[in-house]
Amino acid sequence: MIFEQSAMRWISAIHEFWYRLSDGWIGGNVMGAPILLLDTTGRKTGRRYTTPLLYVSDGDDLIVIASNGGSDRDPGWWRNLVANPSARVQVQDKRKRVRASAARGAGRERLWSKITSRYPVYRSYERRTSREIPVVVLHPE
């Protein structure tokens, strides 16, 4: 598990480097899926952390899924957003401040259906875990 986490951090750092250097021309789309960079503030360290994430748009909002590959534990970036919902995103060459919230009720179901119809892998993650996978709405500030 520690090796996996270390490898994922390394892959994310390389992804972030090329994405930022090229304004998203490299790494802004992976196998047909659009990718954004999410900058959160560490809940314990106060440091900035960047995570590349697949997203879908919903009006002006950006929707990301805190699946953590179907793990029973929420990803660190989501735990950081729960502690401090103010964040920044980069989509291609555009950067903006956002405020994160978890979709609830009918809104969550609508967004979950929207993203899983396009990316069915999230349904397999849902089957792997006992937790409800958070559907995260990033509202522009």
N, C-alpha and C. Protein backbone atom coordinates (compact mmCIF):
# COMPACT_ATOMS: atom_id res chain seq x y z
N MET A 1 0.82 -1.20 0.00
CA MET A 1 0.00 0.00 0.00
C MET A 1 0.86 1.26 0.00
N ILE A 2 1.93 1.27 0.79
CA ILE A 2 2.81 2.44 0.85
C ILE A 2 3.47 2.65 -0.51
N PHE A 3 3.90 1.56 -1.16
CA PHE A 3 4.50 1.67 -2.48
C PHE A 3 3.50 2.26 -3.47
N GLU A 4 2.24 1.78 -3.42
CA GLU A 4 1.19 2.29 -4.30
C GLU A 4 1.00 3.79 -4.12
N GLN A 5 0.92 4.24 -2.86
CA GLN A 5 0.73 5.66 -2.58
C GLN A 5 1.91 6.48 -3.10
N SER A 6 3.12 5.98 -2.89
CA SER A 6 4.31 6.67 -3.35
C SER A 6 4.32 6.75 -4.88
N ALA A 7 4.00 5.67 -5.54
CA ALA A 7 3.96 5.65 -7.00
C ALA A 7 2.89 6.61 -7.53
N MET A 8 1.74 6.64 -6.88
CA MET A 8 0.67 7.54 -7.31
C MET A 8 1.08 9.00 -7.14
N ARG A 9 1.76 9.32 -6.05
CA ARG A 9 2.24 10.69 -5.84
C ARG A 9 3.23 11.09 -6.93
N TRP A 10 4.12 10.17 -7.27
CA TRP A 10 5.12 10.42 -8.30
C TRP A 10 4.45 10.63 -9.66
N ILE A 11 3.50 9.78 -10.01
CA ILE A 11 2.77 9.90 -11.28
C ILE A 11 2.00 11.21 -11.31
N SER A 12 1.34 11.55 -10.22
CA SER A 12 0.59 12.81 -10.15
C SER A 12 1.51 14.02 -10.31
N ALA A 13 2.70 13.96 -9.71
CA ALA A 13 3.64 15.08 -9.81
C ALA A 13 4.11 15.27 -11.25
N ILE A 14 4.36 14.18 -11.94
CA ILE A 14 4.79 14.27 -13.34
C ILE A 14 3.63 14.80 -14.20
N HIS A 15 2.43 14.30 -13.94
CA HIS A 15 1.25 14.77 -14.66
C HIS A 15 1.08 16.27 -14.46
N GLU A 16 1.15 16.70 -13.21
CA GLU A 16 1.01 18.13 -12.90
C GLU A 16 2.07 18.96 -13.62
N PHE A 17 3.31 18.51 -13.60
CA PHE A 17 4.40 19.25 -14.24
C PHE A 17 4.09 19.50 -15.72
N TRP A 18 3.77 18.44 -16.46
CA TRP A 18 3.53 18.59 -17.89
C TRP A 18 2.24 19.36 -18.17
N TYR A 19 1.22 19.14 -17.37
CA TYR A 19 -0.04 19.86 -17.53
C TYR A 19 0.20 21.37 -17.38
N ARG A 20 0.86 21.76 -16.29
CA ARG A 20 1.10 23.19 -16.06
C ARG A 20 2.03 23.79 -17.11
N LEU A 21 3.09 23.06 -17.47
CA LEU A 21 4.04 23.55 -18.46
C LEU A 21 3.37 23.80 -19.82
N SER A 22 2.42 22.93 -20.17
CA SER A 22 1.79 23.01 -21.50
C SER A 22 0.39 23.61 -21.47
N ASP A 23 -0.02 24.17 -20.31
CA ASP A 23 -1.40 24.67 -20.15
C ASP A 23 -2.44 23.62 -20.54
N GLY A 24 -2.17 22.39 -20.15
CA GLY A 24 -3.14 21.32 -20.35
C GLY A 24 -3.08 20.64 -21.70
N TRP A 25 -2.20 21.08 -22.60
CA TRP A 25 -2.07 20.38 -23.89
C TRP A 25 -1.55 18.97 -23.67
N ILE A 26 -0.68 18.83 -22.68
CA ILE A 26 -0.20 17.50 -22.29
C ILE A 26 -0.86 17.19 -20.95
N GLY A 27 -1.62 16.13 -20.90
CA GLY A 27 -2.25 15.70 -19.65
C GLY A 27 -3.63 16.26 -19.40
N GLY A 28 -4.13 17.12 -20.30
CA GLY A 28 -5.47 17.69 -20.12
C GLY A 28 -6.58 16.77 -20.58
N ASN A 29 -6.18 15.68 -21.22
CA ASN A 29 -7.14 14.70 -21.70
C ASN A 29 -6.43 13.35 -21.66
N VAL A 30 -7.01 12.40 -20.97
CA VAL A 30 -6.42 11.07 -20.88
C VAL A 30 -7.44 10.07 -21.40
N MET A 31 -7.11 9.44 -22.52
CA MET A 31 -7.97 8.45 -23.16
C MET A 31 -9.40 8.97 -23.35
N GLY A 32 -9.52 10.22 -23.80
CA GLY A 32 -10.82 10.81 -24.07
C GLY A 32 -11.50 11.44 -22.88
N ALA A 33 -10.89 11.38 -21.72
CA ALA A 33 -11.49 11.95 -20.50
C ALA A 33 -10.79 13.26 -20.16
N PRO A 34 -11.55 14.35 -19.97
CA PRO A 34 -10.93 15.62 -19.60
C PRO A 34 -10.41 15.58 -18.17
N ILE A 35 -9.26 16.21 -17.97
CA ILE A 35 -8.60 16.21 -16.67
C ILE A 35 -8.40 17.65 -16.21
N LEU A 36 -8.63 17.89 -14.93
CA LEU A 36 -8.31 19.18 -14.31
C LEU A 36 -7.27 18.96 -13.24
N LEU A 37 -6.65 20.05 -12.82
CA LEU A 37 -5.76 20.01 -11.67
C LEU A 37 -6.47 20.68 -10.51
N LEU A 38 -6.57 19.99 -9.40
CA LEU A 38 -7.22 20.52 -8.19
C LEU A 38 -6.16 20.80 -7.15
N ASP A 39 -6.10 22.05 -6.69
CA ASP A 39 -5.18 22.45 -5.62
C ASP A 39 -5.96 22.59 -4.33
N THR A 40 -5.60 21.79 -3.34
CA THR A 40 -6.23 21.86 -2.02
C THR A 40 -5.18 22.26 -0.99
N THR A 41 -5.66 22.64 0.19
CA THR A 41 -4.78 22.96 1.31
C THR A 41 -4.82 21.80 2.29
N GLY A 42 -3.66 21.29 2.63
CA GLY A 42 -3.58 20.16 3.56
C GLY A 42 -4.22 20.48 4.90
N ARG A 43 -5.08 19.61 5.36
CA ARG A 43 -5.81 19.83 6.61
C ARG A 43 -4.89 19.79 7.82
N LYS A 44 -3.76 19.09 7.73
CA LYS A 44 -2.81 19.00 8.83
C LYS A 44 -1.60 19.89 8.61
N THR A 45 -1.11 19.94 7.37
CA THR A 45 0.14 20.63 7.08
C THR A 45 -0.03 22.07 6.65
N GLY A 46 -1.19 22.40 6.09
CA GLY A 46 -1.40 23.74 5.53
C GLY A 46 -0.71 23.92 4.18
N ARG A 47 -0.04 22.87 3.69
CA ARG A 47 0.65 22.93 2.39
C ARG A 47 -0.34 22.76 1.24
N ARG A 48 0.06 23.23 0.07
CA ARG A 48 -0.75 23.05 -1.13
C ARG A 48 -0.47 21.66 -1.71
N TYR A 49 -1.54 20.98 -2.09
CA TYR A 49 -1.45 19.69 -2.76
C TYR A 49 -2.22 19.77 -4.07
N THR A 50 -1.65 19.20 -5.11
CA THR A 50 -2.29 19.21 -6.42
C THR A 50 -2.61 17.78 -6.83
N THR A 51 -3.84 17.59 -7.32
CA THR A 51 -4.29 16.28 -7.76
C THR A 51 -4.92 16.40 -9.14
N PRO A 52 -4.45 15.63 -10.12
CA PRO A 52 -5.14 15.57 -11.41
C PRO A 52 -6.38 14.69 -11.28
N LEU A 53 -7.51 15.19 -11.75
CA LEU A 53 -8.77 14.45 -11.63
C LEU A 53 -9.59 14.52 -12.91
N LEU A 54 -10.25 13.44 -13.22
CA LEU A 54 -11.24 13.42 -14.28
C LEU A 54 -12.44 14.25 -13.81
N TYR A 55 -13.08 14.96 -14.73
CA TYR A 55 -14.23 15.78 -14.35
C TYR A 55 -15.26 15.81 -15.46
N VAL A 56 -16.47 16.24 -15.10
CA VAL A 56 -17.50 16.61 -16.07
C VAL A 56 -18.00 17.99 -15.67
N SER A 57 -18.47 18.72 -16.65
CA SER A 57 -19.07 20.03 -16.37
C SER A 57 -20.56 19.87 -16.14
N ASP A 58 -21.09 20.72 -15.29
CA ASP A 58 -22.53 20.79 -15.04
C ASP A 58 -22.87 22.27 -14.93
N GLY A 59 -23.20 22.89 -16.05
CA GLY A 59 -23.33 24.34 -16.07
C GLY A 59 -21.97 24.95 -15.81
N ASP A 60 -21.90 25.88 -14.85
CA ASP A 60 -20.62 26.49 -14.49
C ASP A 60 -19.82 25.65 -13.49
N ASP A 61 -20.46 24.64 -12.91
CA ASP A 61 -19.81 23.79 -11.92
C ASP A 61 -18.98 22.70 -12.58
N LEU A 62 -17.95 22.25 -11.86
CA LEU A 62 -17.16 21.11 -12.27
C LEU A 62 -17.43 19.99 -11.27
N ILE A 63 -17.62 18.78 -11.79
CA ILE A 63 -17.97 17.64 -10.94
C ILE A 63 -16.82 16.64 -10.96
N VAL A 64 -16.36 16.28 -9.77
CA VAL A 64 -15.32 15.25 -9.61
C VAL A 64 -15.83 14.21 -8.63
N ILE A 65 -15.27 13.02 -8.72
CA ILE A 65 -15.72 11.90 -7.89
C ILE A 65 -14.59 11.48 -6.95
N ALA A 66 -14.91 11.42 -5.67
CA ALA A 66 -13.92 11.04 -4.64
C ALA A 66 -13.93 9.52 -4.46
N SER A 67 -13.61 8.81 -5.54
CA SER A 67 -13.71 7.35 -5.53
C SER A 67 -12.54 6.66 -4.84
N ASN A 68 -11.36 7.24 -4.95
CA ASN A 68 -10.15 6.62 -4.39
C ASN A 68 -10.01 5.17 -4.88
N GLY A 69 -10.38 4.95 -6.14
CA GLY A 69 -10.24 3.62 -6.75
C GLY A 69 -11.10 2.55 -6.10
N GLY A 70 -12.16 2.97 -5.40
CA GLY A 70 -13.03 2.00 -4.74
C GLY A 70 -12.57 1.63 -3.34
N SER A 71 -11.59 2.35 -2.82
CA SER A 71 -11.11 2.10 -1.46
C SER A 71 -12.21 2.44 -0.44
N ASP A 72 -12.12 1.83 0.73
CA ASP A 72 -13.06 2.15 1.80
C ASP A 72 -12.72 3.47 2.49
N ARG A 73 -11.66 4.12 2.06
CA ARG A 73 -11.24 5.38 2.66
C ARG A 73 -11.34 6.51 1.63
N ASP A 74 -11.86 7.65 2.06
CA ASP A 74 -11.92 8.81 1.17
C ASP A 74 -10.52 9.24 0.78
N PRO A 75 -10.35 9.76 -0.45
CA PRO A 75 -9.03 10.26 -0.85
C PRO A 75 -8.63 11.48 -0.03
N GLY A 76 -7.32 11.68 0.11
CA GLY A 76 -6.81 12.81 0.89
C GLY A 76 -7.31 14.15 0.38
N TRP A 77 -7.40 14.32 -0.94
CA TRP A 77 -7.85 15.61 -1.47
C TRP A 77 -9.27 15.93 -1.02
N TRP A 78 -10.12 14.90 -0.89
CA TRP A 78 -11.49 15.14 -0.41
C TRP A 78 -11.49 15.45 1.08
N ARG A 79 -10.69 14.75 1.86
CA ARG A 79 -10.60 15.05 3.29
C ARG A 79 -10.09 16.48 3.49
N ASN A 80 -9.16 16.92 2.63
CA ASN A 80 -8.68 18.31 2.70
C ASN A 80 -9.81 19.29 2.39
N LEU A 81 -10.64 18.99 1.40
CA LEU A 81 -11.74 19.88 1.04
C LEU A 81 -12.83 19.92 2.11
N VAL A 82 -13.05 18.82 2.79
CA VAL A 82 -14.02 18.81 3.89
C VAL A 82 -13.55 19.78 4.98
N ALA A 83 -12.25 19.79 5.26
CA ALA A 83 -11.69 20.68 6.28
C ALA A 83 -11.63 22.13 5.80
N ASN A 84 -11.36 22.33 4.51
CA ASN A 84 -11.25 23.67 3.93
C ASN A 84 -11.76 23.61 2.49
N PRO A 85 -13.04 23.95 2.26
CA PRO A 85 -13.64 23.79 0.94
C PRO A 85 -13.17 24.78 -0.13
N SER A 86 -12.37 25.75 0.25
CA SER A 86 -11.84 26.70 -0.73
C SER A 86 -10.64 26.06 -1.44
N ALA A 87 -10.65 26.11 -2.78
CA ALA A 87 -9.59 25.47 -3.56
C ALA A 87 -9.39 26.22 -4.87
N ARG A 88 -8.43 25.74 -5.64
CA ARG A 88 -8.19 26.28 -6.98
C ARG A 88 -8.19 25.13 -7.97
N VAL A 89 -8.64 25.42 -9.20
CA VAL A 89 -8.56 24.43 -10.26
C VAL A 89 -7.90 25.06 -11.48
N GLN A 90 -7.30 24.20 -12.26
CA GLN A 90 -6.81 24.59 -13.58
C GLN A 90 -7.43 23.64 -14.58
N VAL A 91 -8.12 24.21 -15.57
CA VAL A 91 -8.68 23.45 -16.68
C VAL A 91 -8.04 24.02 -17.93
N GLN A 92 -7.20 23.22 -18.56
CA GLN A 92 -6.37 23.68 -19.68
C GLN A 92 -5.56 24.89 -19.22
N ASP A 93 -5.74 26.05 -19.87
CA ASP A 93 -4.96 27.24 -19.47
C ASP A 93 -5.73 28.17 -18.55
N LYS A 94 -6.92 27.78 -18.12
CA LYS A 94 -7.74 28.63 -17.26
C LYS A 94 -7.62 28.18 -15.80
N ARG A 95 -7.39 29.17 -14.94
CA ARG A 95 -7.28 28.90 -13.50
C ARG A 95 -8.36 29.69 -12.79
N LYS A 96 -8.98 29.07 -11.78
CA LYS A 96 -10.00 29.78 -11.02
C LYS A 96 -10.12 29.21 -9.62
N ARG A 97 -10.68 30.04 -8.74
CA ARG A 97 -10.97 29.63 -7.38
C ARG A 97 -12.34 28.97 -7.36
N VAL A 98 -12.46 27.94 -6.54
CA VAL A 98 -13.72 27.21 -6.42
C VAL A 98 -14.01 26.94 -4.95
N ARG A 99 -15.25 26.60 -4.70
CA ARG A 99 -15.68 26.18 -3.37
C ARG A 99 -16.32 24.81 -3.54
N ALA A 100 -15.86 23.85 -2.77
CA ALA A 100 -16.31 22.46 -2.91
C ALA A 100 -17.45 22.13 -1.96
N SER A 101 -18.34 21.30 -2.44
CA SER A 101 -19.39 20.74 -1.58
C SER A 101 -19.74 19.35 -2.11
N ALA A 102 -20.29 18.53 -1.23
CA ALA A 102 -20.74 17.20 -1.63
C ALA A 102 -22.18 17.32 -2.10
N ALA A 103 -22.47 16.75 -3.25
CA ALA A 103 -23.85 16.71 -3.74
C ALA A 103 -24.64 15.76 -2.85
N ARG A 104 -25.88 16.09 -2.61
CA ARG A 104 -26.74 15.28 -1.73
C ARG A 104 -28.06 14.97 -2.43
N GLY A 105 -28.72 13.90 -1.98
CA GLY A 105 -30.07 13.57 -2.41
C GLY A 105 -30.22 13.41 -3.92
N ALA A 106 -31.29 14.01 -4.44
CA ALA A 106 -31.61 13.89 -5.86
C ALA A 106 -30.51 14.51 -6.73
N GLY A 107 -29.90 15.58 -6.24
CA GLY A 107 -28.81 16.21 -6.98
C GLY A 107 -27.63 15.26 -7.14
N ARG A 108 -27.31 14.54 -6.08
CA ARG A 108 -26.22 13.57 -6.15
C ARG A 108 -26.56 12.47 -7.15
N GLU A 109 -27.78 11.96 -7.07
CA GLU A 109 -28.19 10.88 -7.98
C GLU A 109 -28.10 11.32 -9.43
N ARG A 110 -28.55 12.54 -9.72
CA ARG A 110 -28.50 13.07 -11.09
C ARG A 110 -27.05 13.15 -11.58
N LEU A 111 -26.17 13.71 -10.73
CA LEU A 111 -24.77 13.87 -11.12
C LEU A 111 -24.06 12.52 -11.20
N TRP A 112 -24.37 11.61 -10.27
CA TRP A 112 -23.77 10.27 -10.29
C TRP A 112 -24.14 9.57 -11.60
N SER A 113 -25.40 9.65 -11.99
CA SER A 113 -25.84 9.05 -13.25
C SER A 113 -25.14 9.68 -14.45
N LYS A 114 -25.00 11.01 -14.40
CA LYS A 114 -24.35 11.72 -15.49
C LYS A 114 -22.91 11.24 -15.68
N ILE A 115 -22.18 11.14 -14.59
CA ILE A 115 -20.76 10.78 -14.72
C ILE A 115 -20.57 9.28 -14.96
N THR A 116 -21.40 8.44 -14.34
CA THR A 116 -21.21 7.00 -14.54
C THR A 116 -21.71 6.53 -15.89
N SER A 117 -22.62 7.27 -16.51
CA SER A 117 -23.02 6.89 -17.87
C SER A 117 -21.89 7.14 -18.85
N ARG A 118 -21.06 8.13 -18.56
CA ARG A 118 -19.92 8.42 -19.42
C ARG A 118 -18.68 7.62 -19.02
N TYR A 119 -18.52 7.38 -17.70
CA TYR A 119 -17.36 6.67 -17.18
C TYR A 119 -17.82 5.54 -16.26
N PRO A 120 -18.22 4.39 -16.82
CA PRO A 120 -18.78 3.30 -16.00
C PRO A 120 -17.82 2.70 -14.99
N VAL A 121 -16.52 3.00 -15.08
CA VAL A 121 -15.57 2.47 -14.10
C VAL A 121 -15.98 2.86 -12.68
N TYR A 122 -16.63 4.01 -12.52
CA TYR A 122 -17.04 4.43 -11.18
C TYR A 122 -18.07 3.48 -10.57
N ARG A 123 -18.87 2.83 -11.40
CA ARG A 123 -19.83 1.84 -10.87
C ARG A 123 -19.08 0.64 -10.28
N SER A 124 -17.99 0.24 -10.92
CA SER A 124 -17.21 -0.88 -10.36
C SER A 124 -16.55 -0.46 -9.05
N TYR A 125 -16.11 0.80 -8.95
CA TYR A 125 -15.56 1.29 -7.68
C TYR A 125 -16.63 1.28 -6.60
N GLU A 126 -17.84 1.64 -6.98
CA GLU A 126 -18.96 1.67 -6.02
C GLU A 126 -19.21 0.27 -5.46
N ARG A 127 -19.08 -0.75 -6.29
CA ARG A 127 -19.30 -2.13 -5.84
C ARG A 127 -18.20 -2.61 -4.90
N ARG A 128 -17.00 -2.03 -5.00
CA ARG A 128 -15.85 -2.45 -4.19
C ARG A 128 -15.87 -1.92 -2.77
N THR A 129 -16.63 -0.86 -2.53
CA THR A 129 -16.54 -0.19 -1.23
C THR A 129 -17.87 -0.21 -0.49
N SER A 130 -17.78 -0.07 0.81
CA SER A 130 -19.00 0.00 1.63
C SER A 130 -19.44 1.45 1.85
N ARG A 131 -18.59 2.41 1.50
CA ARG A 131 -18.94 3.82 1.70
C ARG A 131 -19.69 4.37 0.49
N GLU A 132 -20.46 5.41 0.71
CA GLU A 132 -21.05 6.12 -0.42
C GLU A 132 -19.96 7.04 -0.99
N ILE A 133 -19.65 6.86 -2.24
CA ILE A 133 -18.60 7.65 -2.88
C ILE A 133 -19.08 9.09 -3.06
N PRO A 134 -18.35 10.06 -2.53
CA PRO A 134 -18.77 11.45 -2.65
C PRO A 134 -18.72 11.96 -4.10
N VAL A 135 -19.81 12.62 -4.48
CA VAL A 135 -19.86 13.35 -5.74
C VAL A 135 -19.59 14.81 -5.35
N VAL A 136 -18.47 15.34 -5.81
CA VAL A 136 -17.99 16.64 -5.35
C VAL A 136 -18.27 17.70 -6.42
N VAL A 137 -18.95 18.75 -5.98
CA VAL A 137 -19.28 19.86 -6.87
C VAL A 137 -18.31 20.99 -6.56
N LEU A 138 -17.62 21.45 -7.59
CA LEU A 138 -16.69 22.58 -7.47
C LEU A 138 -17.37 23.81 -8.08
N HIS A 139 -17.84 24.70 -7.20
CA HIS A 139 -18.56 25.92 -7.62
C HIS A 139 -17.56 27.03 -7.83
N PRO A 140 -17.62 27.74 -8.96
CA PRO A 140 -16.71 28.88 -9.13
C PRO A 140 -17.00 29.97 -8.11
N GLU A 141 -15.94 30.59 -7.59
CA GLU A 141 -16.11 31.70 -6.64
C GLU A 141 -16.09 33.01 -7.36
